[in-house]
N, C-alpha and C. Protein backbone atom coordinates (compact mmCIF):
# COMPACT_ATOMS: atom_id res chain seq x y z
N MET A 1 -32.20 7.48 32.77
CA MET A 1 -31.55 8.24 33.69
C MET A 1 -30.79 7.38 34.73
N ASP A 2 -29.55 7.76 34.90
CA ASP A 2 -28.89 6.99 35.92
C ASP A 2 -28.98 7.74 37.27
N PHE A 3 -28.24 7.24 38.24
CA PHE A 3 -28.39 7.74 39.64
C PHE A 3 -27.94 9.17 39.69
N LYS A 4 -26.77 9.45 39.14
CA LYS A 4 -26.14 10.74 39.11
C LYS A 4 -27.16 11.88 38.61
N GLU A 5 -27.61 11.48 37.49
CA GLU A 5 -28.64 12.60 36.90
C GLU A 5 -29.85 12.68 37.78
N ARG A 6 -30.46 11.64 38.39
CA ARG A 6 -31.52 11.81 39.31
C ARG A 6 -31.17 12.64 40.51
N LYS A 7 -29.90 12.36 41.10
CA LYS A 7 -29.38 13.03 42.19
C LYS A 7 -29.23 14.58 41.95
N GLU A 8 -28.77 14.90 40.76
CA GLU A 8 -28.76 16.15 40.36
C GLU A 8 -30.03 17.04 40.31
N ALA A 9 -30.95 16.19 39.70
CA ALA A 9 -32.25 16.61 39.51
C ALA A 9 -32.92 17.00 40.85
N ARG A 10 -32.63 16.06 41.86
CA ARG A 10 -33.37 16.27 43.15
C ARG A 10 -32.63 17.27 43.94
N ILE A 11 -31.38 17.52 43.82
CA ILE A 11 -30.68 18.67 44.35
C ILE A 11 -31.11 19.96 43.81
N GLU A 12 -31.26 20.03 42.49
CA GLU A 12 -31.84 21.15 41.92
C GLU A 12 -33.22 21.62 42.44
N HIS A 13 -34.11 20.61 42.52
CA HIS A 13 -35.41 20.83 42.91
C HIS A 13 -35.44 21.32 44.38
N TYR A 14 -34.60 20.79 45.30
CA TYR A 14 -34.49 21.15 46.67
C TYR A 14 -33.99 22.48 46.75
N GLU A 15 -32.93 22.87 46.20
CA GLU A 15 -32.35 24.22 46.20
C GLU A 15 -33.30 25.40 45.61
N LYS A 16 -34.02 24.99 44.61
CA LYS A 16 -34.96 25.95 44.07
C LYS A 16 -36.32 26.05 44.81
N TYR A 17 -37.05 24.98 45.31
CA TYR A 17 -38.34 24.99 45.67
C TYR A 17 -38.43 24.85 47.29
N VAL A 18 -37.46 24.02 47.93
CA VAL A 18 -37.64 23.55 49.41
C VAL A 18 -36.78 24.27 50.19
N LYS A 19 -35.51 24.46 49.90
CA LYS A 19 -34.61 25.04 50.91
C LYS A 19 -34.97 26.47 51.40
N GLY A 20 -34.96 26.68 52.72
CA GLY A 20 -35.19 27.98 53.20
C GLY A 20 -36.72 28.28 53.65
N TRP A 21 -37.62 27.51 53.09
CA TRP A 21 -39.00 27.64 53.53
C TRP A 21 -39.31 27.27 54.90
N LYS A 22 -40.14 27.99 55.57
CA LYS A 22 -40.58 27.68 56.96
C LYS A 22 -42.09 27.56 57.10
N ASN A 23 -42.47 27.05 58.26
CA ASN A 23 -43.97 27.04 58.47
C ASN A 23 -44.23 27.92 59.59
N ARG A 24 -45.41 28.55 59.62
CA ARG A 24 -45.87 29.25 60.69
C ARG A 24 -47.32 29.16 60.85
N PRO A 25 -48.00 29.36 62.01
CA PRO A 25 -49.50 29.16 62.11
C PRO A 25 -50.20 30.17 61.07
N CYS A 26 -51.26 29.52 60.58
CA CYS A 26 -52.11 30.32 59.51
C CYS A 26 -52.78 31.58 60.24
N ILE A 27 -52.64 32.65 59.58
CA ILE A 27 -53.15 33.90 60.21
C ILE A 27 -54.82 33.80 60.15
N ALA A 28 -55.30 33.34 59.13
CA ALA A 28 -56.79 33.37 58.95
C ALA A 28 -57.56 32.43 59.95
N CYS A 29 -56.96 31.40 60.22
CA CYS A 29 -57.54 30.41 61.15
C CYS A 29 -56.98 30.30 62.45
N ASN A 30 -55.71 31.00 62.66
CA ASN A 30 -54.92 31.10 63.94
C ASN A 30 -54.46 29.65 64.19
N GLY A 31 -54.12 28.88 63.11
CA GLY A 31 -53.46 27.63 63.30
C GLY A 31 -54.51 26.49 63.64
N SER A 32 -55.84 26.61 63.73
CA SER A 32 -56.61 25.61 64.01
C SER A 32 -57.12 24.80 62.73
N GLY A 33 -57.03 25.38 61.65
CA GLY A 33 -57.46 24.65 60.43
C GLY A 33 -58.87 24.81 60.01
N TYR A 34 -59.71 25.61 60.91
CA TYR A 34 -61.07 25.79 60.73
C TYR A 34 -61.38 27.29 61.01
N TYR A 35 -62.21 27.84 60.26
CA TYR A 35 -62.73 29.10 60.40
C TYR A 35 -63.21 29.43 61.84
N ASP A 36 -64.12 28.51 62.42
CA ASP A 36 -64.85 28.69 63.72
C ASP A 36 -64.72 27.37 64.26
N HIS A 37 -65.31 27.34 65.51
CA HIS A 37 -65.21 25.97 66.17
C HIS A 37 -66.54 25.19 66.17
N ASN A 38 -67.54 25.75 65.47
CA ASN A 38 -68.89 25.11 65.51
C ASN A 38 -69.14 24.48 64.07
N GLY A 39 -68.27 23.45 63.79
CA GLY A 39 -68.48 22.62 62.59
C GLY A 39 -68.36 23.37 61.32
N SER A 40 -67.60 24.38 61.22
CA SER A 40 -67.48 25.22 60.01
C SER A 40 -66.46 24.60 59.12
N PRO A 41 -66.52 25.02 57.87
CA PRO A 41 -65.57 24.25 57.01
C PRO A 41 -64.10 24.49 57.24
N ARG A 42 -63.29 23.70 56.43
CA ARG A 42 -61.78 23.86 56.65
C ARG A 42 -61.38 25.23 56.08
N CYS A 43 -60.28 25.82 56.68
CA CYS A 43 -59.74 27.09 56.28
C CYS A 43 -59.25 27.00 54.71
N GLY A 44 -59.69 28.06 53.89
CA GLY A 44 -59.40 28.01 52.59
C GLY A 44 -57.96 28.73 52.35
N SER A 45 -57.55 29.37 53.33
CA SER A 45 -56.02 29.90 53.22
C SER A 45 -55.01 28.86 53.28
N CYS A 46 -55.09 27.90 54.23
CA CYS A 46 -54.19 26.94 54.47
C CYS A 46 -54.68 25.48 54.01
N ASN A 47 -55.83 25.41 53.56
CA ASN A 47 -56.50 24.02 53.19
C ASN A 47 -56.63 23.08 54.40
N GLY A 48 -56.91 23.63 55.53
CA GLY A 48 -57.06 22.90 56.80
C GLY A 48 -55.83 22.33 57.49
N THR A 49 -54.73 22.80 57.03
CA THR A 49 -53.59 22.30 57.77
C THR A 49 -53.17 23.08 58.95
N GLY A 50 -53.53 24.28 59.02
CA GLY A 50 -53.22 25.22 60.13
C GLY A 50 -51.94 25.85 60.18
N LYS A 51 -51.24 25.58 58.94
CA LYS A 51 -49.84 26.18 58.81
C LYS A 51 -49.75 26.79 57.34
N GLU A 52 -48.99 27.77 57.15
CA GLU A 52 -48.74 28.31 55.92
C GLU A 52 -47.21 28.44 55.70
N LYS A 53 -46.77 28.30 54.69
CA LYS A 53 -45.27 28.29 54.35
C LYS A 53 -44.97 29.65 53.93
N TYR A 54 -43.75 30.12 54.32
CA TYR A 54 -43.25 31.45 53.95
C TYR A 54 -41.74 31.22 53.90
N LYS A 55 -41.24 32.13 53.05
CA LYS A 55 -39.74 32.16 52.80
C LYS A 55 -39.13 33.35 53.55
N PRO A 56 -38.17 33.15 54.68
CA PRO A 56 -37.89 34.28 55.44
C PRO A 56 -36.92 35.09 54.69
N ASN A 57 -37.00 36.42 54.79
CA ASN A 57 -36.10 37.32 54.08
C ASN A 57 -34.70 37.31 54.82
N ALA A 58 -33.71 37.90 54.04
CA ALA A 58 -32.37 37.80 54.46
C ALA A 58 -32.06 38.45 55.88
N THR A 59 -32.99 39.45 56.29
CA THR A 59 -32.72 39.88 57.60
C THR A 59 -32.88 39.01 58.75
N GLU A 60 -33.91 38.06 58.60
CA GLU A 60 -34.28 37.02 59.60
C GLU A 60 -33.24 36.05 59.76
N THR A 61 -32.54 35.58 58.59
CA THR A 61 -31.51 34.65 58.65
C THR A 61 -30.19 35.28 59.39
N THR A 62 -29.98 36.50 59.01
CA THR A 62 -28.74 37.19 59.47
C THR A 62 -28.91 37.50 60.95
N GLU A 63 -30.08 37.74 61.45
CA GLU A 63 -30.36 37.97 62.94
C GLU A 63 -30.08 36.57 63.66
N LYS A 64 -30.42 35.50 63.11
CA LYS A 64 -30.32 34.34 63.88
C LYS A 64 -28.75 33.96 63.88
N THR A 65 -28.14 34.12 62.92
CA THR A 65 -26.59 33.79 62.90
C THR A 65 -25.99 34.77 63.77
N SER A 66 -26.31 36.03 63.84
CA SER A 66 -25.54 37.00 64.73
C SER A 66 -25.89 36.72 66.16
N LYS A 67 -27.12 36.14 66.60
CA LYS A 67 -27.46 35.77 67.87
C LYS A 67 -26.68 34.62 68.45
N THR A 68 -26.44 33.63 67.58
CA THR A 68 -25.75 32.48 67.91
C THR A 68 -24.22 32.70 68.17
N THR A 69 -23.70 33.77 67.41
CA THR A 69 -22.22 33.87 67.61
C THR A 69 -21.84 34.81 68.54
């Protein structure tokens, strides 16, 4: 693979899996990464990161653009 083929593959991966996804605090642990504060295990919903990824729907993105204009 030369540079152009790898670049096309990276662009395709970004457009398909990365672009548009955002992070928000995890609902299960409220962003702490743990279920409780007394030595409890890491959150199973977010794997202890405290954040979950979500893809905003089209209405959220259009609201942002209409507010800025």
